Amino acid sequence: MLTTSGYNNIGQEATTTAIINDIKKINPKIIILANSNKPRETRLLNKDIKKVYFFKTIISPIILFIPKTIILGGDEITSSEYNNYYNKFFQYFQAKFRIIFTYFSTFLNKNITLYKIGIYDQQRNFPIFMLKRVLEKSKIIIARDKYSKNYLERLTKKQVLLSKDAVYSLEINGGNIKKNKVGFILKRTNNIRIEKKIIQIINAEKQKRSIIFIIFSNHHNEYENDFKYTLNIIKKTKLKSYKIINENDYKKLFIKMSQFKKIFSMRYHGCVFSEILGIDFIAIPTNKKIEVNFKEKII
């Protein structure tokens, strides 16, 4: 199973857990080998699931020959956002790792499944010929939304099934806590207009209730590091009273998020989590996947 785990992103980790659960519901005895940039941490997040083994992403070529089935699981196949933080040689390969790995597996007669994946645009120099071959050789292709389904159907004649994001299948454990707080899930943006709007909203909301920031990504790359960006926004709004939640376990985060009356999210999975928990939320469009999936919630 090819994942995007191990980059300190709770949305990506929740996606990995959700897909593993889906597979185990079909066959509880199946052995799953899954990559992660930080396999020990990802293993701890899935410690209750049996017969799942995580390995370092960099050794994936060695693992390629072991499984009969390759599942490219969840998240985006590619994105133009990767251009902002994958610009060095190794990072260039890293951003395209899953499709390159799956492409070579097509020559080894592996059973290939693309499971609840998204695609909205492409990273610069993305090997589209690899994706086309992977699509043609896949036994099952499932898109996580209509936009991705239409996008993939333009690249292949194979049937593309429609589903929802894998995270929607996770068990809900919110809690019965009084909802009196407002949450902000921030993500770095180059759009000055959006940033000014966020600052304006925070300044308005701080007069009414407690402000809590939820960190969804603590990526080593600064562009994807929500913590640093959040501190920058706090400085600009001159907030004196606030709290920051930095949680990597979705179950614990679900409980904490149940306290919120409203959430403003610049993160796709922040919107998904809010919708799962039945929390009123406002989507702040920082990318195409938010625009196409939460257009009725966009500010």
Protein backbone atom coordinates (compact mmCIF):
# COMPACT_ATOMS: atom_id res chain seq x y z
CA MET A 1 0.00 0.00 0.00
CA LEU A 2 1.43 3.34 -1.09
CA THR A 3 0.62 6.13 1.37
CA THR A 4 1.53 9.75 2.05
CA SER A 5 2.19 9.02 5.74
CA GLY A 6 5.10 10.17 7.84
CA TYR A 7 5.05 13.90 7.12
CA ASN A 8 3.37 15.10 10.34
CA ASN A 9 0.06 15.71 8.60
CA ILE A 10 -2.96 14.45 10.55
CA GLY A 11 -5.17 14.39 7.46
CA GLN A 12 -2.75 12.10 5.65
CA GLU A 13 -2.37 9.84 8.70
CA ALA A 14 -6.14 9.58 9.12
CA THR A 15 -6.43 8.67 5.43
CA THR A 16 -3.92 5.84 5.83
CA THR A 17 -5.76 4.45 8.87
CA ALA A 18 -9.13 4.68 7.11
CA ILE A 19 -7.91 2.76 4.05
CA ILE A 20 -6.25 0.08 6.17
CA ASN A 21 -9.55 -0.33 8.04
CA ASP A 22 -11.43 -0.62 4.74
CA ILE A 23 -9.06 -3.37 3.56
CA LYS A 24 -9.28 -5.23 6.86
CA LYS A 25 -13.09 -5.20 6.73
CA ILE A 26 -12.88 -7.11 3.45
CA ASN A 27 -10.16 -9.51 4.61
CA PRO A 28 -9.15 -9.34 8.31
CA LYS A 29 -6.31 -11.85 7.80
CA ILE A 30 -4.59 -10.03 4.95
CA ILE A 31 -1.03 -8.82 5.51
CA ILE A 32 -0.47 -5.17 4.60
CA LEU A 33 2.92 -3.63 3.83
CA ALA A 34 2.74 0.17 3.77
CA ASN A 35 5.33 2.88 3.31
CA SER A 36 5.84 5.87 5.58
CA ASN A 37 8.49 8.54 5.87
CA LYS A 38 8.39 7.86 9.63
CA PRO A 39 7.30 4.20 9.92
CA ARG A 40 7.70 3.97 13.69
CA GLU A 41 5.35 6.91 14.29
CA THR A 42 2.80 5.66 11.75
CA ARG A 43 2.93 2.21 13.34
CA LEU A 44 2.08 3.71 16.76
CA LEU A 45 -0.94 5.44 15.26
CA ASN A 46 -2.15 2.06 13.95
CA LYS A 47 -0.98 -0.16 16.80
CA ASP A 48 -4.43 -1.70 17.30
CA ILE A 49 -4.54 -3.09 13.76
CA LYS A 50 -2.97 -6.52 13.30
CA LYS A 51 -0.75 -7.68 10.43
CA VAL A 52 0.16 -4.20 9.19
CA TYR A 53 3.85 -3.45 8.71
CA PHE A 54 5.29 -0.06 7.85
CA PHE A 55 8.60 0.43 6.10
CA LYS A 56 10.72 3.47 5.25
CA THR A 57 9.59 5.00 1.95
CA ILE A 58 13.14 5.13 0.60
CA ILE A 59 13.44 1.31 0.55
CA SER A 60 10.24 0.88 -1.48
CA PRO A 61 12.06 -0.46 -4.59
CA ILE A 62 13.16 -3.47 -2.51
CA ILE A 63 9.61 -4.09 -1.28
CA LEU A 64 8.21 -3.86 -4.82
CA PHE A 65 8.73 -7.56 -5.55
CA ILE A 66 6.97 -8.91 -2.41
CA PRO A 67 3.22 -8.13 -2.67
CA LYS A 68 0.77 -9.44 -5.25
CA THR A 69 -1.36 -6.31 -5.05
CA ILE A 70 -0.36 -2.66 -5.11
CA ILE A 71 -2.83 -0.14 -3.67
CA LEU A 72 -2.21 3.52 -4.30
CA GLY A 73 -4.25 4.72 -1.38
CA GLY A 74 -5.96 8.04 -0.89
CA ASP A 75 -4.87 11.66 -1.06
CA GLU A 76 -3.78 13.32 -4.31
CA ILE A 77 -1.80 11.66 -7.06
CA THR A 78 -0.21 15.00 -7.90
CA SER A 79 -0.83 18.68 -7.25
CA SER A 80 0.46 22.00 -8.50
CA GLU A 81 0.96 22.93 -4.83
CA TYR A 82 3.96 20.60 -4.79
CA ASN A 83 5.80 23.15 -6.92
CA ASN A 84 6.04 25.36 -3.83
CA TYR A 85 8.03 22.94 -1.69
CA TYR A 86 9.37 20.08 -3.82
CA ASN A 87 12.03 21.83 -5.88
CA LYS A 88 15.25 19.98 -5.16
CA PHE A 89 16.23 16.76 -6.94
CA PHE A 90 15.33 14.28 -4.18
CA GLN A 91 12.17 16.21 -3.34
CA TYR A 92 11.26 16.21 -7.03
CA PHE A 93 11.35 12.40 -6.97
CA GLN A 94 9.65 12.29 -3.59
CA ALA A 95 6.60 14.17 -4.86
CA LYS A 96 6.20 11.71 -7.72
CA PHE A 97 7.21 8.61 -5.78
CA ARG A 98 3.83 6.87 -5.63
CA ILE A 99 3.10 7.12 -9.33
CA ILE A 100 6.66 6.11 -10.30
CA PHE A 101 6.52 3.09 -7.98
CA THR A 102 3.12 2.03 -9.31
CA TYR A 103 4.25 2.56 -12.90
CA PHE A 104 7.13 0.10 -12.54
CA SER A 105 4.86 -2.39 -10.79
CA THR A 106 2.77 -2.56 -13.98
CA PHE A 107 5.67 -4.42 -15.64
CA LEU A 108 5.65 -7.05 -12.85
CA ASN A 109 2.05 -8.14 -13.38
CA LYS A 110 0.86 -6.79 -10.06
CA ASN A 111 -2.82 -6.30 -9.27
CA ILE A 112 -3.18 -2.52 -9.08
CA THR A 113 -5.89 -0.55 -7.33
CA LEU A 114 -6.21 3.23 -7.16
CA TYR A 115 -8.30 3.72 -4.05
CA LYS A 116 -10.26 6.89 -3.21
CA ILE A 117 -7.73 9.16 -4.86
CA GLY A 118 -7.95 12.80 -5.85
CA ILE A 119 -6.49 14.81 -8.71
CA TYR A 120 -7.25 18.44 -9.54
CA ASP A 121 -4.15 19.73 -11.32
CA GLN A 122 -0.57 18.62 -11.88
CA GLN A 123 2.86 19.30 -10.49
CA ARG A 124 5.34 20.79 -12.93
CA ASN A 125 6.92 18.08 -15.15
CA PHE A 126 4.62 15.40 -13.80
CA PRO A 127 5.07 12.14 -15.79
CA ILE A 128 1.56 11.93 -17.19
CA PHE A 129 2.52 8.98 -19.41
CA MET A 130 3.18 6.98 -16.23
CA LEU A 131 -0.23 7.82 -14.83
CA LYS A 132 -1.91 6.83 -18.09
CA ARG A 133 -0.23 3.42 -18.07
CA VAL A 134 -1.10 2.90 -14.40
CA LEU A 135 -4.74 3.71 -15.15
CA GLU A 136 -4.82 1.30 -18.08
CA LYS A 137 -3.30 -1.50 -16.02
CA SER A 138 -5.40 -0.93 -12.89
CA LYS A 139 -8.12 -3.44 -12.01
CA ILE A 140 -10.01 -0.96 -9.83
CA ILE A 141 -10.00 2.85 -9.96
CA ILE A 142 -11.95 4.78 -7.33
CA ALA A 143 -12.01 8.58 -7.20
CA ARG A 144 -12.85 10.47 -4.03
CA ASP A 145 -15.00 13.13 -5.74
CA LYS A 146 -16.70 13.95 -9.05
CA TYR A 147 -14.00 16.38 -10.17
CA SER A 148 -11.28 13.74 -9.78
CA LYS A 149 -13.47 11.15 -11.49
CA ASN A 150 -13.94 13.40 -14.52
CA TYR A 151 -10.24 14.26 -14.56
CA LEU A 152 -9.21 10.59 -14.59
CA GLU A 153 -11.82 9.67 -17.21
CA ARG A 154 -10.15 12.11 -19.58
CA LEU A 155 -6.96 10.07 -19.22
CA THR A 156 -8.35 6.55 -19.54
CA LYS A 157 -11.16 4.51 -21.10
CA LYS A 158 -11.30 2.32 -18.00
CA GLN A 159 -14.25 2.65 -15.61
CA VAL A 160 -13.65 5.10 -12.76
CA LEU A 161 -15.88 4.52 -9.73
CA LEU A 162 -17.02 7.35 -7.49
CA SER A 163 -16.75 7.39 -3.71
CA LYS A 164 -15.97 9.88 -0.93
CA ASP A 165 -12.72 10.67 0.80
CA ALA A 166 -11.49 7.66 2.79
CA VAL A 167 -11.59 9.62 6.06
CA TYR A 168 -15.41 9.68 6.00
CA SER A 169 -15.38 5.98 6.96
CA LEU A 170 -13.55 6.59 10.25
CA GLU A 171 -15.27 5.92 13.55
CA ILE A 172 -16.63 9.09 15.13
CA ASN A 173 -15.81 9.69 18.77
CA GLY A 174 -16.62 13.30 19.51
CA GLY A 175 -18.06 13.61 22.99
CA ASN A 176 -20.81 15.64 24.61
CA ILE A 177 -18.96 18.83 25.43
CA LYS A 178 -20.51 22.29 25.38
CA LYS A 179 -19.62 23.97 22.12
CA ASN A 180 -18.46 27.49 22.88
CA LYS A 181 -15.16 27.87 21.05
CA VAL A 182 -14.11 28.87 17.57
CA GLY A 183 -11.34 27.00 15.80
CA PHE A 184 -8.98 28.04 13.02
CA ILE A 185 -7.13 25.56 10.83
CA LEU A 186 -4.60 27.65 8.95
CA LYS A 187 -2.42 26.86 5.96
CA ARG A 188 0.23 29.04 4.38
CA THR A 189 -1.04 30.97 1.38
CA ASN A 190 0.50 33.31 -1.15
CA ASN A 191 -2.87 35.00 -1.60
CA ILE A 192 -2.66 38.32 0.26
CA ARG A 193 -6.41 38.87 -0.01
CA ILE A 194 -7.17 35.58 1.76
CA GLU A 195 -4.64 36.29 4.51
CA LYS A 196 -6.13 39.73 5.15
CA LYS A 197 -9.58 38.12 5.35
CA ILE A 198 -8.35 35.58 7.91
CA ILE A 199 -6.87 38.33 10.07
CA GLN A 200 -10.13 40.26 9.83
CA ILE A 201 -12.17 37.20 10.92
CA ILE A 202 -9.87 36.43 13.86
CA ASN A 203 -10.06 40.03 15.07
CA ALA A 204 -13.86 39.85 14.92
CA GLU A 205 -14.18 36.42 16.57
CA LYS A 206 -11.78 37.14 19.46
CA GLN A 207 -14.32 39.62 20.82
CA LYS A 208 -16.94 36.85 21.15
CA ARG A 209 -15.26 33.63 22.30
CA SER A 210 -12.02 31.72 22.88
CA ILE A 211 -9.76 31.31 19.86
CA ILE A 212 -8.13 27.92 19.27
CA PHE A 213 -5.77 27.07 16.44
CA ILE A 214 -5.50 23.48 15.20
CA ILE A 215 -2.26 22.43 13.55
CA PHE A 216 -2.93 19.94 10.76
CA SER A 217 0.54 19.84 9.23
CA ASN A 218 3.92 20.11 10.94
CA HIS A 219 5.84 19.31 7.75
CA HIS A 220 9.62 19.86 7.76
CA ASN A 221 9.20 22.10 4.73
CA GLU A 222 8.27 25.63 5.78
CA TYR A 223 5.61 26.03 3.09
CA GLU A 224 3.68 23.09 4.56
CA ASN A 225 4.39 23.95 8.20
CA ASP A 226 1.11 25.21 9.63
CA PHE A 227 2.63 25.83 13.07
CA LYS A 228 5.04 28.51 11.84
CA TYR A 229 2.36 30.13 9.74
CA THR A 230 -0.09 30.13 12.64
CA LEU A 231 2.43 31.87 14.89
CA ASN A 232 2.89 34.46 12.17
CA ILE A 233 -0.86 35.13 12.01
CA ILE A 234 -1.07 35.33 15.82
CA LYS A 235 1.63 37.98 15.74
CA LYS A 236 -0.20 39.96 13.05
CA THR A 237 -3.52 39.85 14.95
CA LYS A 238 -1.83 40.71 18.27
CA LEU A 239 -3.75 37.95 20.03
CA LYS A 240 -3.14 37.78 23.76
CA SER A 241 -5.43 34.89 24.63
CA TYR A 242 -5.42 31.76 22.47
CA LYS A 243 -4.62 28.05 22.48
CA ILE A 244 -2.85 25.84 19.96
CA ILE A 245 -3.78 22.18 19.50
CA ASN A 246 -1.03 20.10 17.91
CA GLU A 247 -2.33 16.52 17.80
CA ASN A 248 -1.26 13.65 15.53
CA ASP A 249 -3.95 11.14 16.57
CA TYR A 250 -7.26 11.76 14.80
CA LYS A 251 -9.26 10.04 17.58
CA LYS A 252 -7.92 12.47 20.19
CA LEU A 253 -8.43 15.39 17.83
CA PHE A 254 -12.05 14.40 17.19
CA ILE A 255 -12.71 14.65 20.93
CA LYS A 256 -11.05 18.06 21.16
CA MET A 257 -12.80 19.36 18.05
CA SER A 258 -16.19 18.49 19.55
CA GLN A 259 -15.79 21.58 21.74
CA PHE A 260 -16.02 23.92 18.77
CA LYS A 261 -19.06 25.95 17.84
CA LYS A 262 -17.53 26.89 14.50
CA ILE A 263 -14.38 26.17 12.52
CA PHE A 264 -12.67 28.19 9.81
CA SER A 265 -10.52 25.85 7.74
CA MET A 266 -7.90 26.47 5.08
CA ARG A 267 -7.20 22.71 5.04
CA TYR A 268 -9.20 20.19 3.00
CA HIS A 269 -9.19 17.57 5.75
CA GLY A 270 -10.06 20.24 8.29
CA CYS A 271 -13.31 20.64 6.36
CA VAL A 272 -13.77 16.86 6.17
CA PHE A 273 -13.20 16.42 9.92
CA SER A 274 -15.67 19.23 10.68
CA GLU A 275 -18.30 17.71 8.40
CA ILE A 276 -17.87 14.27 10.00
CA LEU A 277 -18.36 15.76 13.48
CA GLY A 278 -21.33 17.87 12.41
CA ILE A 279 -19.56 21.14 13.25
CA ASP A 280 -20.54 24.33 11.48
CA PHE A 281 -17.54 25.29 9.36
CA ILE A 282 -16.39 27.84 6.84
CA ALA A 283 -14.07 26.70 4.05
CA ILE A 284 -11.34 29.11 3.02
CA PRO A 285 -10.28 28.24 -0.56
CA THR A 286 -6.52 27.79 -0.71
CA ASN A 287 -6.60 25.11 -3.42
CA LYS A 288 -8.80 23.42 -6.02
CA LYS A 289 -9.84 20.48 -3.82
CA ILE A 290 -11.53 22.82 -1.34
CA GLU A 291 -13.16 24.79 -4.14
CA VAL A 292 -14.74 21.72 -5.79
CA ASN A 293 -15.72 19.80 -2.63
CA PHE A 294 -16.93 22.58 -0.34
CA LYS A 295 -18.11 25.34 -2.67
CA GLU A 296 -21.28 25.87 -0.62
CA LYS A 297 -19.17 26.46 2.50
CA ILE A 298 -16.62 28.82 0.98
CA ILE A 299 -16.33 32.23 2.58
